[in-house]
């Protein structure tokens, strides 16, 4: 992953980002020599969000398959959460 300095970004503006993203999906932005930000195209961001959602769905399916779930009414759920919260506060 290439890096754009904050100074380059200040002088070249968005063009510096566009040029860097032309050859790779993400670009680091450094401030005083340390990477502070990662910039990516909206398309890459949406792809990563989709990957996160797919991973969460797979995790949920694995939990269901393994029996790690609770089936309850809304009232039962609220009671259970309140009990858990009371334990955390105590």
C-alpha atoms as a PDB file:
ATOM      1  CA  UNK A   1       0.000   0.000   0.000  1.00  0.00           C
ATOM      2  CA  UNK A   2       1.429   3.343  -0.939  1.00  0.00           C
ATOM      3  CA  UNK A   3       1.408   6.346   1.333  1.00  0.00           C
ATOM      4  CA  UNK A   4       0.475   9.945   0.660  1.00  0.00           C
ATOM      5  CA  UNK A   5       1.820  12.525   3.063  1.00  0.00           C
ATOM      6  CA  UNK A   6      -0.575  15.049   4.525  1.00  0.00           C
ATOM      7  CA  UNK A   7       1.556  17.736   2.893  1.00  0.00           C
ATOM      8  CA  UNK A   8       1.113  16.137  -0.558  1.00  0.00           C
ATOM      9  CA  UNK A   9      -2.586  15.925   0.089  1.00  0.00           C
ATOM     10  CA  UNK A  10      -2.618  19.570   1.076  1.00  0.00           C
ATOM     11  CA  UNK A  11      -0.819  20.688  -2.075  1.00  0.00           C
ATOM     12  CA  UNK A  12      -2.244  18.250  -4.638  1.00  0.00           C
ATOM     13  CA  UNK A  13      -5.682  17.738  -3.121  1.00  0.00           C
ATOM     14  CA  UNK A  14      -7.965  14.934  -4.239  1.00  0.00           C
ATOM     15  CA  UNK A  15      -5.834  14.394  -7.339  1.00  0.00           C
ATOM     16  CA  UNK A  16      -3.144  12.781  -5.148  1.00  0.00           C
ATOM     17  CA  UNK A  17      -5.702  10.287  -3.880  1.00  0.00           C
ATOM     18  CA  UNK A  18      -7.107   9.605  -7.335  1.00  0.00           C
ATOM     19  CA  UNK A  19      -3.638   8.933  -8.736  1.00  0.00           C
ATOM     20  CA  UNK A  20      -2.722   6.555  -5.920  1.00  0.00           C
ATOM     21  CA  UNK A  21      -6.052   4.701  -6.099  1.00  0.00           C
ATOM     22  CA  UNK A  22      -5.634   4.164  -9.838  1.00  0.00           C
ATOM     23  CA  UNK A  23      -3.238   1.289  -9.122  1.00  0.00           C
ATOM     24  CA  UNK A  24      -4.435  -0.075  -5.766  1.00  0.00           C
ATOM     25  CA  UNK A  25      -7.592  -0.370  -3.654  1.00  0.00           C
ATOM     26  CA  UNK A  26      -6.383   1.564  -0.579  1.00  0.00           C
ATOM     27  CA  UNK A  27      -3.912   4.344   0.154  1.00  0.00           C
ATOM     28  CA  UNK A  28      -2.430   5.362   3.494  1.00  0.00           C
ATOM     29  CA  UNK A  29      -2.267   9.021   4.503  1.00  0.00           C
ATOM     30  CA  UNK A  30       0.599   9.871   6.815  1.00  0.00           C
ATOM     31  CA  UNK A  31       0.796  12.788   9.191  1.00  0.00           C
ATOM     32  CA  UNK A  32       4.265  13.650  10.472  1.00  0.00           C
ATOM     33  CA  UNK A  33       5.564  10.312   9.212  1.00  0.00           C
ATOM     34  CA  UNK A  34       2.894   8.137  10.847  1.00  0.00           C
ATOM     35  CA  UNK A  35      -0.024   6.548   9.038  1.00  0.00           C
ATOM     36  CA  UNK A  36      -3.193   8.129  10.400  1.00  0.00           C
ATOM     37  CA  UNK A  37      -5.820   7.398   7.747  1.00  0.00           C
ATOM     38  CA  UNK A  38      -6.644   4.894   5.044  1.00  0.00           C
ATOM     39  CA  UNK A  39      -8.448   6.173   1.971  1.00  0.00           C
ATOM     40  CA  UNK A  40     -10.348   3.981  -0.466  1.00  0.00           C
ATOM     41  CA  UNK A  41     -12.854   4.309  -3.237  1.00  0.00           C
ATOM     42  CA  UNK A  42     -16.539   4.120  -2.425  1.00  0.00           C
ATOM     43  CA  UNK A  43     -16.671   0.899  -4.418  1.00  0.00           C
ATOM     44  CA  UNK A  44     -13.937  -0.680  -2.249  1.00  0.00           C
ATOM     45  CA  UNK A  45     -15.685   0.548   0.906  1.00  0.00           C
ATOM     46  CA  UNK A  46     -18.965  -1.068  -0.193  1.00  0.00           C
ATOM     47  CA  UNK A  47     -17.111  -4.298  -0.967  1.00  0.00           C
ATOM     48  CA  UNK A  48     -15.581  -4.365   2.522  1.00  0.00           C
ATOM     49  CA  UNK A  49     -18.958  -3.632   4.123  1.00  0.00           C
ATOM     50  CA  UNK A  50     -20.438  -6.550   2.168  1.00  0.00           C
ATOM     51  CA  UNK A  51     -17.629  -8.789   3.422  1.00  0.00           C
ATOM     52  CA  UNK A  52     -18.354  -7.721   7.013  1.00  0.00           C
ATOM     53  CA  UNK A  53     -22.046  -8.480   6.578  1.00  0.00           C
ATOM     54  CA  UNK A  54     -21.300 -11.876   5.015  1.00  0.00           C
ATOM     55  CA  UNK A  55     -18.988 -12.717   7.928  1.00  0.00           C
ATOM     56  CA  UNK A  56     -21.642 -11.675  10.455  1.00  0.00           C
ATOM     57  CA  UNK A  57     -24.235 -13.803   8.660  1.00  0.00           C
ATOM     58  CA  UNK A  58     -21.899 -16.817   8.651  1.00  0.00           C
ATOM     59  CA  UNK A  59     -21.226 -16.316  12.367  1.00  0.00           C
ATOM     60  CA  UNK A  60     -24.947 -16.110  13.104  1.00  0.00           C
ATOM     61  CA  UNK A  61     -25.649 -19.272  11.103  1.00  0.00           C
ATOM     62  CA  UNK A  62     -22.859 -21.082  12.981  1.00  0.00           C
ATOM     63  CA  UNK A  63     -24.366 -19.957  16.303  1.00  0.00           C
ATOM     64  CA  UNK A  64     -27.791 -21.242  15.271  1.00  0.00           C
ATOM     65  CA  UNK A  65     -26.359 -24.551  14.067  1.00  0.00           C
ATOM     66  CA  UNK A  66     -24.490 -24.940  17.380  1.00  0.00           C
ATOM     67  CA  UNK A  67     -27.583 -24.085  19.440  1.00  0.00           C
ATOM     68  CA  UNK A  68     -26.141 -20.811  20.753  1.00  0.00           C
ATOM     69  CA  UNK A  69     -29.351 -18.808  20.675  1.00  0.00           C
ATOM     70  CA  UNK A  70     -32.316 -17.959  22.855  1.00  0.00           C
ATOM     71  CA  UNK A  71     -35.920 -18.132  21.747  1.00  0.00           C
ATOM     72  CA  UNK A  72     -38.104 -15.881  23.900  1.00  0.00           C
ATOM     73  CA  UNK A  73     -40.824 -13.261  23.879  1.00  0.00           C
ATOM     74  CA  UNK A  74     -40.065  -9.553  23.955  1.00  0.00           C
ATOM     75  CA  UNK A  75     -41.029  -9.412  27.640  1.00  0.00           C
ATOM     76  CA  UNK A  76     -38.743 -12.335  28.479  1.00  0.00           C
ATOM     77  CA  UNK A  77     -35.945 -10.735  26.510  1.00  0.00           C
ATOM     78  CA  UNK A  78     -36.279  -7.406  28.341  1.00  0.00           C
ATOM     79  CA  UNK A  79     -36.262  -9.201  31.716  1.00  0.00           C
ATOM     80  CA  UNK A  80     -33.152 -11.171  30.773  1.00  0.00           C
ATOM     81  CA  UNK A  81     -31.327  -8.039  29.599  1.00  0.00           C
ATOM     82  CA  UNK A  82     -32.306  -6.162  32.753  1.00  0.00           C
ATOM     83  CA  UNK A  83     -30.928  -9.004  34.881  1.00  0.00           C
ATOM     84  CA  UNK A  84     -27.677  -8.974  32.913  1.00  0.00           C
ATOM     85  CA  UNK A  85     -27.399  -5.197  33.306  1.00  0.00           C
ATOM     86  CA  UNK A  86     -28.072  -5.452  37.051  1.00  0.00           C
ATOM     87  CA  UNK A  87     -25.190  -7.953  37.367  1.00  0.00           C
ATOM     88  CA  UNK A  88     -22.864  -5.606  35.495  1.00  0.00           C
ATOM     89  CA  UNK A  89     -23.742  -2.651  37.722  1.00  0.00           C
ATOM     90  CA  UNK A  90     -23.376  -4.628  40.968  1.00  0.00           C
END
